[in-house]
């Protein structure tokens, strides 16, 4: 198996493209970036890798590691 092809990235740090985030943010008004760092966070409130945002309390009734309720409802409404 050619694992060089499967794992060709030199980093595992990625950021959501700003234009994509802006488009979704107009509809959902995000207030938390649960997986970010000091250089790529999209919201004022964010969790770093060290803080492990998937284990943190997101507040507002969110379900860490799955989806925020409003996003989940939208996802289901669209047939997800």
PDB file of N, CA and C in Angstrom:
ATOM      1  N   UNK A   1       0.851  -1.183   0.000  1.00  0.00           N
ATOM      2  CA  UNK A   1       0.000   0.000   0.000  1.00  0.00           C
ATOM      3  C   UNK A   1       0.892   1.241   0.000  1.00  0.00           C
ATOM      4  N   UNK A   2       0.556   2.202  -0.823  1.00  0.00           N
ATOM      5  CA  UNK A   2       1.334   3.434  -0.918  1.00  0.00           C
ATOM      6  C   UNK A   2       0.803   4.468   0.071  1.00  0.00           C
ATOM      7  N   UNK A   3       1.321   4.454   1.283  1.00  0.00           N
ATOM      8  CA  UNK A   3       0.827   5.377   2.307  1.00  0.00           C
ATOM      9  C   UNK A   3       1.285   6.807   2.062  1.00  0.00           C
ATOM     10  N   UNK A   4       2.344   7.006   1.263  1.00  0.00           N
ATOM     11  CA  UNK A   4       2.768   8.373   0.940  1.00  0.00           C
ATOM     12  C   UNK A   4       1.660   9.123   0.206  1.00  0.00           C
ATOM     13  N   UNK A   5       0.937   8.430  -0.634  1.00  0.00           N
ATOM     14  CA  UNK A   5      -0.164   9.056  -1.364  1.00  0.00           C
ATOM     15  C   UNK A   5      -1.330   9.339  -0.436  1.00  0.00           C
ATOM     16  N   UNK A   6      -1.642   8.399   0.444  1.00  0.00           N
ATOM     17  CA  UNK A   6      -2.771   8.566   1.348  1.00  0.00           C
ATOM     18  C   UNK A   6      -2.525   9.641   2.395  1.00  0.00           C
ATOM     19  N   UNK A   7      -1.298   9.787   2.827  1.00  0.00           N
ATOM     20  CA  UNK A   7      -0.958  10.727   3.891  1.00  0.00           C
ATOM     21  C   UNK A   7       0.115  11.695   3.398  1.00  0.00           C
ATOM     22  N   UNK A   8      -0.219  12.463   2.370  1.00  0.00           N
ATOM     23  CA  UNK A   8       0.785  13.310   1.739  1.00  0.00           C
ATOM     24  C   UNK A   8       0.925  14.687   2.372  1.00  0.00           C
ATOM     25  N   UNK A   9       0.014  15.086   3.241  1.00  0.00           N
ATOM     26  CA  UNK A   9       0.106  16.401   3.861  1.00  0.00           C
ATOM     27  C   UNK A   9       1.211  16.412   4.912  1.00  0.00           C
ATOM     28  N   UNK A  10       1.916  17.520   5.000  1.00  0.00           N
ATOM     29  CA  UNK A  10       2.973  17.644   5.994  1.00  0.00           C
ATOM     30  C   UNK A  10       2.440  18.172   7.323  1.00  0.00           C
ATOM     31  N   UNK A  11       1.160  18.469   7.391  1.00  0.00           N
ATOM     32  CA  UNK A  11       0.571  18.998   8.615  1.00  0.00           C
ATOM     33  C   UNK A  11      -0.837  18.443   8.803  1.00  0.00           C
ATOM     34  N   UNK A  12      -1.291  18.461  10.032  1.00  0.00           N
ATOM     35  CA  UNK A  12      -2.682  18.092  10.295  1.00  0.00           C
ATOM     36  C   UNK A  12      -3.461  19.309  10.777  1.00  0.00           C
ATOM     37  N   UNK A  13      -2.910  20.482  10.577  1.00  0.00           N
ATOM     38  CA  UNK A  13      -3.582  21.725  10.970  1.00  0.00           C
ATOM     39  C   UNK A  13      -4.222  22.343   9.734  1.00  0.00           C
ATOM     40  N   UNK A  14      -5.514  22.555   9.825  1.00  0.00           N
ATOM     41  CA  UNK A  14      -6.271  23.094   8.704  1.00  0.00           C
ATOM     42  C   UNK A  14      -7.181  24.197   9.210  1.00  0.00           C
ATOM     43  N   UNK A  15      -7.541  25.114   8.334  1.00  0.00           N
ATOM     44  CA  UNK A  15      -8.455  26.197   8.692  1.00  0.00           C
ATOM     45  C   UNK A  15      -9.581  26.249   7.668  1.00  0.00           C
ATOM     46  N   UNK A  16     -10.762  26.579   8.130  1.00  0.00           N
ATOM     47  CA  UNK A  16     -11.893  26.771   7.230  1.00  0.00           C
ATOM     48  C   UNK A  16     -11.626  28.004   6.377  1.00  0.00           C
ATOM     49  N   UNK A  17     -11.794  27.916   5.064  1.00  0.00           N
ATOM     50  CA  UNK A  17     -11.604  29.103   4.223  1.00  0.00           C
ATOM     51  C   UNK A  17     -12.535  30.234   4.671  1.00  0.00           C
ATOM     52  N   UNK A  18     -12.006  31.443   4.751  1.00  0.00           N
ATOM     53  CA  UNK A  18     -12.765  32.575   5.278  1.00  0.00           C
ATOM     54  C   UNK A  18     -14.055  32.819   4.505  1.00  0.00           C
ATOM     55  N   UNK A  19     -14.031  32.727   3.177  1.00  0.00           N
ATOM     56  CA  UNK A  19     -15.249  32.986   2.394  1.00  0.00           C
ATOM     57  C   UNK A  19     -16.329  31.958   2.699  1.00  0.00           C
ATOM     58  N   UNK A  20     -15.935  30.702   2.888  1.00  0.00           N
ATOM     59  CA  UNK A  20     -16.892  29.655   3.227  1.00  0.00           C
ATOM     60  C   UNK A  20     -17.485  29.909   4.608  1.00  0.00           C
ATOM     61  N   UNK A  21     -16.620  30.239   5.570  1.00  0.00           N
ATOM     62  CA  UNK A  21     -17.093  30.553   6.916  1.00  0.00           C
ATOM     63  C   UNK A  21     -18.051  31.742   6.886  1.00  0.00           C
ATOM     64  N   UNK A  22     -17.689  32.802   6.186  1.00  0.00           N
ATOM     65  CA  UNK A  22     -18.527  34.007   6.133  1.00  0.00           C
ATOM     66  C   UNK A  22     -19.920  33.701   5.600  1.00  0.00           C
ATOM     67  N   UNK A  23     -19.983  32.860   4.566  1.00  0.00           N
ATOM     68  CA  UNK A  23     -21.282  32.499   3.983  1.00  0.00           C
ATOM     69  C   UNK A  23     -22.150  31.755   4.997  1.00  0.00           C
ATOM     70  N   UNK A  24     -21.589  30.784   5.683  1.00  0.00           N
ATOM     71  CA  UNK A  24     -22.351  30.043   6.691  1.00  0.00           C
ATOM     72  C   UNK A  24     -22.660  30.903   7.909  1.00  0.00           C
ATOM     73  N   UNK A  25     -21.733  31.764   8.276  1.00  0.00           N
ATOM     74  CA  UNK A  25     -21.915  32.602   9.456  1.00  0.00           C
ATOM     75  C   UNK A  25     -23.072  33.584   9.279  1.00  0.00           C
ATOM     76  N   UNK A  26     -23.313  34.032   8.056  1.00  0.00           N
ATOM     77  CA  UNK A  26     -24.461  34.922   7.802  1.00  0.00           C
ATOM     78  C   UNK A  26     -25.772  34.248   8.204  1.00  0.00           C
ATOM     79  N   UNK A  27     -25.849  32.945   8.015  1.00  0.00           N
ATOM     80  CA  UNK A  27     -27.077  32.221   8.355  1.00  0.00           C
ATOM     81  C   UNK A  27     -27.088  31.731   9.802  1.00  0.00           C
ATOM     82  N   UNK A  28     -25.958  31.246  10.301  1.00  0.00           N
ATOM     83  CA  UNK A  28     -25.946  30.580  11.605  1.00  0.00           C
ATOM     84  C   UNK A  28     -25.382  31.420  12.749  1.00  0.00           C
ATOM     85  N   UNK A  29     -24.706  32.512  12.460  1.00  0.00           N
ATOM     86  CA  UNK A  29     -24.162  33.419  13.478  1.00  0.00           C
ATOM     87  C   UNK A  29     -23.351  32.658  14.534  1.00  0.00           C
ATOM     88  N   UNK A  30     -22.264  32.037  14.113  1.00  0.00           N
ATOM     89  CA  UNK A  30     -21.414  31.259  15.008  1.00  0.00           C
ATOM     90  C   UNK A  30     -20.820  32.138  16.098  1.00  0.00           C
ATOM     91  N   UNK A  31     -20.666  31.564  17.296  1.00  0.00           N
ATOM     92  CA  UNK A  31     -20.021  32.301  18.383  1.00  0.00           C
ATOM     93  C   UNK A  31     -18.897  31.496  19.033  1.00  0.00           C
ATOM     94  N   UNK A  32     -18.570  30.342  18.458  1.00  0.00           N
ATOM     95  CA  UNK A  32     -17.518  29.495  19.008  1.00  0.00           C
ATOM     96  C   UNK A  32     -16.818  28.746  17.885  1.00  0.00           C
ATOM     97  N   UNK A  33     -15.506  28.726  17.940  1.00  0.00           N
ATOM     98  CA  UNK A  33     -14.691  27.903  17.051  1.00  0.00           C
ATOM     99  C   UNK A  33     -14.043  26.843  17.940  1.00  0.00           C
ATOM    100  N   UNK A  34     -14.571  25.612  17.961  1.00  0.00           N
ATOM    101  CA  UNK A  34     -14.116  24.615  18.926  1.00  0.00           C
ATOM    102  C   UNK A  34     -12.777  23.955  18.602  1.00  0.00           C
ATOM    103  N   UNK A  35     -12.276  24.134  17.393  1.00  0.00           N
ATOM    104  CA  UNK A  35     -11.014  23.490  16.997  1.00  0.00           C
ATOM    105  C   UNK A  35     -10.161  24.495  16.232  1.00  0.00           C
ATOM    106  N   UNK A  36      -9.461  25.337  16.951  1.00  0.00           N
ATOM    107  CA  UNK A  36      -8.713  26.424  16.314  1.00  0.00           C
ATOM    108  C   UNK A  36      -7.395  26.655  17.035  1.00  0.00           C
ATOM    109  N   UNK A  37      -6.699  27.684  16.600  1.00  0.00           N
ATOM    110  CA  UNK A  37      -5.524  28.140  17.333  1.00  0.00           C
ATOM    111  C   UNK A  37      -5.476  29.660  17.288  1.00  0.00           C
ATOM    112  N   UNK A  38      -4.415  30.223  17.844  1.00  0.00           N
ATOM    113  CA  UNK A  38      -4.317  31.670  17.967  1.00  0.00           C
ATOM    114  C   UNK A  38      -4.265  32.372  16.610  1.00  0.00           C
ATOM    115  N   UNK A  39      -3.873  31.657  15.560  1.00  0.00           N
ATOM    116  CA  UNK A  39      -3.702  32.283  14.249  1.00  0.00           C
ATOM    117  C   UNK A  39      -4.856  32.049  13.282  1.00  0.00           C
ATOM    118  N   UNK A  40      -5.740  31.073  13.553  1.00  0.00           N
ATOM    119  CA  UNK A  40      -6.764  30.756  12.550  1.00  0.00           C
ATOM    120  C   UNK A  40      -8.194  30.745  13.074  1.00  0.00           C
ATOM    121  N   UNK A  41      -8.425  31.192  14.301  1.00  0.00           N
ATOM    122  CA  UNK A  41      -9.784  31.130  14.850  1.00  0.00           C
ATOM    123  C   UNK A  41     -10.709  32.090  14.103  1.00  0.00           C
ATOM    124  N   UNK A  42     -11.959  31.656  13.932  1.00  0.00           N
ATOM    125  CA  UNK A  42     -12.956  32.443  13.202  1.00  0.00           C
ATOM    126  C   UNK A  42     -13.901  33.183  14.137  1.00  0.00           C
ATOM    127  N   UNK A  43     -13.906  32.830  15.401  1.00  0.00           N
ATOM    128  CA  UNK A  43     -14.789  33.462  16.388  1.00  0.00           C
ATOM    129  C   UNK A  43     -13.943  33.992  17.539  1.00  0.00           C
ATOM    130  N   UNK A  44     -14.502  34.950  18.255  1.00  0.00           N
ATOM    131  CA  UNK A  44     -13.785  35.504  19.404  1.00  0.00           C
ATOM    132  C   UNK A  44     -13.515  34.420  20.448  1.00  0.00           C
ATOM    133  N   UNK A  45     -14.506  33.548  20.662  1.00  0.00           N
ATOM    134  CA  UNK A  45     -14.323  32.432  21.593  1.00  0.00           C
ATOM    135  C   UNK A  45     -13.891  31.211  20.786  1.00  0.00           C
ATOM    136  N   UNK A  46     -12.808  30.582  21.225  1.00  0.00           N
ATOM    137  CA  UNK A  46     -12.310  29.393  20.532  1.00  0.00           C
ATOM    138  C   UNK A  46     -11.540  28.511  21.507  1.00  0.00           C
ATOM    139  N   UNK A  47     -11.398  27.241  21.134  1.00  0.00           N
ATOM    140  CA  UNK A  47     -10.608  26.297  21.907  1.00  0.00           C
ATOM    141  C   UNK A  47      -9.428  25.846  21.060  1.00  0.00           C
ATOM    142  N   UNK A  48      -8.285  25.716  21.695  1.00  0.00           N
ATOM    143  CA  UNK A  48      -7.083  25.263  21.009  1.00  0.00           C
ATOM    144  C   UNK A  48      -6.982  23.739  21.088  1.00  0.00           C
ATOM    145  N   UNK A  49      -6.007  23.200  20.383  1.00  0.00           N
ATOM    146  CA  UNK A  49      -5.777  21.754  20.419  1.00  0.00           C
ATOM    147  C   UNK A  49      -5.505  21.292  21.851  1.00  0.00           C
ATOM    148  N   UNK A  50      -4.740  22.074  22.586  1.00  0.00           N
ATOM    149  CA  UNK A  50      -4.414  21.712  23.964  1.00  0.00           C
ATOM    150  C   UNK A  50      -5.657  21.701  24.852  1.00  0.00           C
ATOM    151  N   UNK A  51      -6.602  22.594  24.583  1.00  0.00           N
ATOM    152  CA  UNK A  51      -7.838  22.659  25.370  1.00  0.00           C
ATOM    153  C   UNK A  51      -8.842  21.589  24.944  1.00  0.00           C
ATOM    154  N   UNK A  52      -8.652  21.016  23.771  1.00  0.00           N
ATOM    155  CA  UNK A  52      -9.508  19.968  23.212  1.00  0.00           C
ATOM    156  C   UNK A  52     -10.978  20.376  23.227  1.00  0.00           C
ATOM    157  N   UNK A  53     -11.351  21.177  22.254  1.00  0.00           N
ATOM    158  CA  UNK A  53     -12.709  21.700  22.155  1.00  0.00           C
ATOM    159  C   UNK A  53     -13.798  20.647  22.099  1.00  0.00           C
ATOM    160  N   UNK A  54     -13.457  19.434  21.702  1.00  0.00           N
ATOM    161  CA  UNK A  54     -14.475  18.385  21.646  1.00  0.00           C
ATOM    162  C   UNK A  54     -14.838  17.874  23.035  1.00  0.00           C
ATOM    163  N   UNK A  55     -14.013  18.186  24.027  1.00  0.00           N
ATOM    164  CA  UNK A  55     -14.305  17.781  25.402  1.00  0.00           C
ATOM    165  C   UNK A  55     -14.815  18.931  26.263  1.00  0.00           C
ATOM    166  N   UNK A  56     -14.859  20.131  25.712  1.00  0.00           N
ATOM    167  CA  UNK A  56     -15.264  21.317  26.467  1.00  0.00           C
ATOM    168  C   UNK A  56     -16.778  21.506  26.457  1.00  0.00           C
ATOM    169  N   UNK A  57     -17.262  22.250  27.430  1.00  0.00           N
ATOM    170  CA  UNK A  57     -18.665  22.661  27.454  1.00  0.00           C
ATOM    171  C   UNK A  57     -18.816  23.830  26.495  1.00  0.00           C
ATOM    172  N   UNK A  58     -19.625  23.661  25.472  1.00  0.00           N
ATOM    173  CA  UNK A  58     -19.814  24.710  24.472  1.00  0.00           C
ATOM    174  C   UNK A  58     -20.823  25.750  24.935  1.00  0.00           C
ATOM    175  N   UNK A  59     -21.546  25.467  26.006  1.00  0.00           N
ATOM    176  CA  UNK A  59     -22.558  26.409  26.484  1.00  0.00           C
ATOM    177  C   UNK A  59     -23.746  26.456  25.537  1.00  0.00           C
ATOM    178  N   UNK A  60     -24.832  27.036  25.971  1.00  0.00           N
ATOM    179  CA  UNK A  60     -25.998  27.208  25.103  1.00  0.00           C
ATOM    180  C   UNK A  60     -26.668  25.922  24.683  1.00  0.00           C
ATOM    181  N   UNK A  61     -26.443  24.830  25.378  1.00  0.00           N
ATOM    182  CA  UNK A  61     -27.119  23.584  25.045  1.00  0.00           C
ATOM    183  C   UNK A  61     -26.472  22.798  23.928  1.00  0.00           C
ATOM    184  N   UNK A  62     -25.260  23.161  23.526  1.00  0.00           N
ATOM    185  CA  UNK A  62     -24.591  22.450  22.447  1.00  0.00           C
ATOM    186  C   UNK A  62     -24.181  21.055  22.872  1.00  0.00           C
ATOM    187  N   UNK A  63     -23.905  20.231  21.906  1.00  0.00           N
ATOM    188  CA  UNK A  63     -23.470  18.869  22.171  1.00  0.00           C
ATOM    189  C   UNK A  63     -22.059  18.725  21.619  1.00  0.00           C
ATOM    190  N   UNK A  64     -21.032  18.902  22.455  1.00  0.00           N
ATOM    191  CA  UNK A  64     -19.664  18.818  21.964  1.00  0.00           C
ATOM    192  C   UNK A  64     -19.396  17.512  21.237  1.00  0.00           C
ATOM    193  N   UNK A  65     -18.637  17.617  20.153  1.00  0.00           N
ATOM    194  CA  UNK A  65     -18.254  16.437  19.401  1.00  0.00           C
ATOM    195  C   UNK A  65     -19.294  15.988  18.392  1.00  0.00           C
ATOM    196  N   UNK A  66     -20.495  16.564  18.438  1.00  0.00           N
ATOM    197  CA  UNK A  66     -21.515  16.203  17.454  1.00  0.00           C
ATOM    198  C   UNK A  66     -21.818  17.459  16.653  1.00  0.00           C
ATOM    199  N   UNK A  67     -22.832  18.192  16.995  1.00  0.00           N
ATOM    200  CA  UNK A  67     -23.173  19.453  16.331  1.00  0.00           C
ATOM    201  C   UNK A  67     -23.965  20.329  17.279  1.00  0.00           C
ATOM    202  N   UNK A  68     -23.912  21.622  17.095  1.00  0.00           N
ATOM    203  CA  UNK A  68     -24.780  22.509  17.855  1.00  0.00           C
ATOM    204  C   UNK A  68     -26.219  22.210  17.439  1.00  0.00           C
ATOM    205  N   UNK A  69     -27.191  22.312  18.343  1.00  0.00           N
ATOM    206  CA  UNK A  69     -28.573  21.941  18.033  1.00  0.00           C
ATOM    207  C   UNK A  69     -29.144  22.617  16.793  1.00  0.00           C
ATOM    208  N   UNK A  70     -28.920  23.907  16.618  1.00  0.00           N
ATOM    209  CA  UNK A  70     -29.509  24.573  15.450  1.00  0.00           C
ATOM    210  C   UNK A  70     -28.912  24.051  14.156  1.00  0.00           C
ATOM    211  N   UNK A  71     -27.637  23.743  14.167  1.00  0.00           N
ATOM    212  CA  UNK A  71     -27.009  23.186  12.971  1.00  0.00           C
ATOM    213  C   UNK A  71     -27.545  21.779  12.721  1.00  0.00           C
ATOM    214  N   UNK A  72     -27.682  20.986  13.786  1.00  0.00           N
ATOM    215  CA  UNK A  72     -28.226  19.634  13.656  1.00  0.00           C
ATOM    216  C   UNK A  72     -29.641  19.675  13.091  1.00  0.00           C
ATOM    217  N   UNK A  73     -30.483  20.586  13.572  1.00  0.00           N
ATOM    218  CA  UNK A  73     -31.853  20.706  13.067  1.00  0.00           C
ATOM    219  C   UNK A  73     -31.847  21.075  11.589  1.00  0.00           C
ATOM    220  N   UNK A  74     -30.982  21.990  11.189  1.00  0.00           N
ATOM    221  CA  UNK A  74     -30.878  22.385   9.780  1.00  0.00           C
ATOM    222  C   UNK A  74     -30.418  21.198   8.936  1.00  0.00           C
ATOM    223  N   UNK A  75     -29.443  20.467   9.435  1.00  0.00           N
ATOM    224  CA  UNK A  75     -28.928  19.293   8.744  1.00  0.00           C
ATOM    225  C   UNK A  75     -30.041  18.274   8.512  1.00  0.00           C
ATOM    226  N   UNK A  76     -30.831  17.991   9.546  1.00  0.00           N
ATOM    227  CA  UNK A  76     -31.931  17.030   9.421  1.00  0.00           C
ATOM    228  C   UNK A  76     -33.009  17.553   8.472  1.00  0.00           C
ATOM    229  N   UNK A  77     -33.292  18.851   8.527  1.00  0.00           N
ATOM    230  CA  UNK A  77     -34.305  19.441   7.658  1.00  0.00           C
ATOM    231  C   UNK A  77     -33.905  19.299   6.185  1.00  0.00           C
ATOM    232  N   UNK A  78     -32.611  19.368   5.919  1.00  0.00           N
ATOM    233  CA  UNK A  78     -32.123  19.261   4.551  1.00  0.00           C
ATOM    234  C   UNK A  78     -31.960  17.811   4.106  1.00  0.00           C
ATOM    235  N   UNK A  79     -32.348  16.875   4.971  1.00  0.00           N
ATOM    236  CA  UNK A  79     -32.340  15.466   4.591  1.00  0.00           C
ATOM    237  C   UNK A  79     -31.106  14.704   5.023  1.00  0.00           C
ATOM    238  N   UNK A  80     -30.312  15.288   5.902  1.00  0.00           N
ATOM    239  CA  UNK A  80     -29.079  14.626   6.360  1.00  0.00           C
ATOM    240  C   UNK A  80     -29.349  13.525   7.335  1.00  0.00           C
TER     241      UNK A  80
END
